[in-house]
Amino acid sequence: MVTAMKNYTVTVVFKVAVNPANIAEMESIVALVYSPSLREHGCKEYRWYRSESDPGDYLLFMTWASKDDFEAHVRSPHVQEAERRLAPILRSPAPELIWEYISE
């Protein structure tokens, strides 16, 4: 039997143009958003990963209690600042992918 949880899970892959200044900026952006995001209402999971094979690739994995909680997160001042700072260092857009949990 497949069941779905009610959580709202989102992933985003950020592809940063690889040079020391951009990597330093990306690490600074991660630090900017990490702690405030974990404290937001509805945040159940908020994890950043850096690719071992491509130093410019970062994965953000988030689980929120609801879509509304996620949308409030996106509107938060720290995320708005991060998006402003990300724009000039990305190699390509970073689309959000929404995931539905399944289990047997």
Protein backbone atom coordinates (compact mmCIF):
# COMPACT_ATOMS: atom_id res chain seq x y z
CA MET A 1 0.00 0.00 0.00
CA VAL A 2 1.34 3.44 -0.92
CA THR A 3 0.64 6.26 1.51
CA ALA A 4 1.43 9.93 1.23
CA MET A 5 2.54 12.12 4.10
CA LYS A 6 1.12 15.61 4.31
CA ASN A 7 4.51 17.34 4.48
CA TYR A 8 5.74 19.58 1.68
CA THR A 9 9.23 18.54 0.50
CA VAL A 10 11.29 20.70 -1.84
CA THR A 11 14.74 20.31 -3.39
CA VAL A 12 16.77 22.89 -5.27
CA VAL A 13 20.09 22.35 -7.04
CA PHE A 14 22.22 25.47 -7.25
CA LYS A 15 24.94 25.44 -9.92
CA VAL A 16 27.51 28.07 -9.03
CA ALA A 17 30.08 29.31 -11.56
CA VAL A 18 33.25 27.79 -10.12
CA ASN A 19 35.83 30.29 -8.97
CA PRO A 20 37.08 31.05 -5.46
CA ALA A 21 35.04 34.24 -5.06
CA ASN A 22 31.77 32.57 -6.09
CA ILE A 23 32.34 29.53 -3.89
CA ALA A 24 33.07 31.82 -0.93
CA GLU A 25 29.90 33.80 -1.69
CA MET A 26 27.82 30.61 -1.87
CA GLU A 27 29.18 29.42 1.47
CA SER A 28 28.30 32.83 2.93
CA ILE A 29 24.75 32.59 1.53
CA VAL A 30 24.30 29.13 3.06
CA ALA A 31 25.40 30.52 6.43
CA LEU A 32 22.98 33.46 6.02
CA VAL A 33 19.89 31.29 5.52
CA TYR A 34 20.66 28.14 7.48
CA SER A 35 19.86 29.00 11.10
CA PRO A 36 16.96 31.40 10.48
CA SER A 37 15.29 28.86 8.20
CA LEU A 38 15.50 26.10 10.81
CA ARG A 39 13.69 28.38 13.28
CA GLU A 40 10.83 29.20 10.91
CA HIS A 41 7.32 28.01 11.60
CA GLY A 42 6.67 24.72 9.83
CA CYS A 43 10.31 23.86 9.09
CA LYS A 44 10.78 20.13 9.67
CA GLU A 45 14.02 19.61 7.76
CA TYR A 46 16.48 21.99 6.16
CA ARG A 47 19.76 20.58 4.84
CA TRP A 48 22.45 21.82 2.50
CA TYR A 49 24.83 19.53 0.61
CA ARG A 50 27.87 20.27 -1.56
CA SER A 51 28.70 17.90 -4.43
CA GLU A 52 31.86 15.85 -4.02
CA SER A 53 32.31 15.61 -7.79
CA ASP A 54 31.48 19.21 -8.78
CA PRO A 55 32.49 21.91 -6.26
CA GLY A 56 30.02 24.35 -7.78
CA ASP A 57 26.93 22.21 -7.21
CA TYR A 58 24.88 22.60 -4.02
CA LEU A 59 21.68 20.77 -3.06
CA LEU A 60 19.12 22.23 -0.69
CA PHE A 61 16.70 19.66 0.79
CA MET A 62 13.74 21.04 2.76
CA THR A 63 10.64 19.59 4.36
CA TRP A 64 7.89 21.92 5.53
CA ALA A 65 4.66 21.19 7.36
CA SER A 66 2.68 22.74 4.50
CA LYS A 67 2.96 24.57 1.20
CA ASP A 68 1.90 27.77 3.00
CA ASP A 69 4.84 27.40 5.41
CA PHE A 70 7.22 26.95 2.49
CA GLU A 71 5.80 29.98 0.67
CA ALA A 72 6.22 32.08 3.84
CA HIS A 73 9.84 30.89 3.97
CA VAL A 74 10.42 32.04 0.37
CA ARG A 75 9.05 35.49 1.27
CA SER A 76 11.22 35.82 4.39
CA PRO A 77 13.84 38.59 4.43
CA HIS A 78 16.79 36.21 4.71
CA VAL A 79 15.67 34.18 1.68
CA GLN A 80 14.98 37.33 -0.34
CA GLU A 81 18.51 38.56 0.46
CA ALA A 82 19.96 35.16 -0.47
CA GLU A 83 18.13 35.15 -3.81
CA ARG A 84 19.48 38.63 -4.58
CA ARG A 85 23.03 37.49 -3.83
CA LEU A 86 22.65 34.20 -5.72
CA ALA A 87 21.59 35.69 -9.04
CA PRO A 88 25.03 36.86 -10.21
CA ILE A 89 26.91 33.68 -9.24
CA LEU A 90 24.65 30.97 -10.69
CA ARG A 91 25.51 29.20 -13.97
CA SER A 92 21.84 28.41 -14.60
CA PRO A 93 18.43 28.88 -12.96
CA ALA A 94 17.74 26.79 -9.86
CA PRO A 95 14.20 25.42 -10.18
CA GLU A 96 12.39 24.03 -7.18
CA LEU A 97 11.27 20.42 -7.35
CA ILE A 98 8.35 19.33 -5.15
CA TRP A 99 8.37 15.76 -3.83
CA GLU A 100 5.65 13.48 -2.51
CA TYR A 101 6.67 10.89 0.07
CA ILE A 102 5.70 7.30 -0.70
CA SER A 103 6.17 4.12 1.31
CA GLU A 104 5.11 0.51 1.16
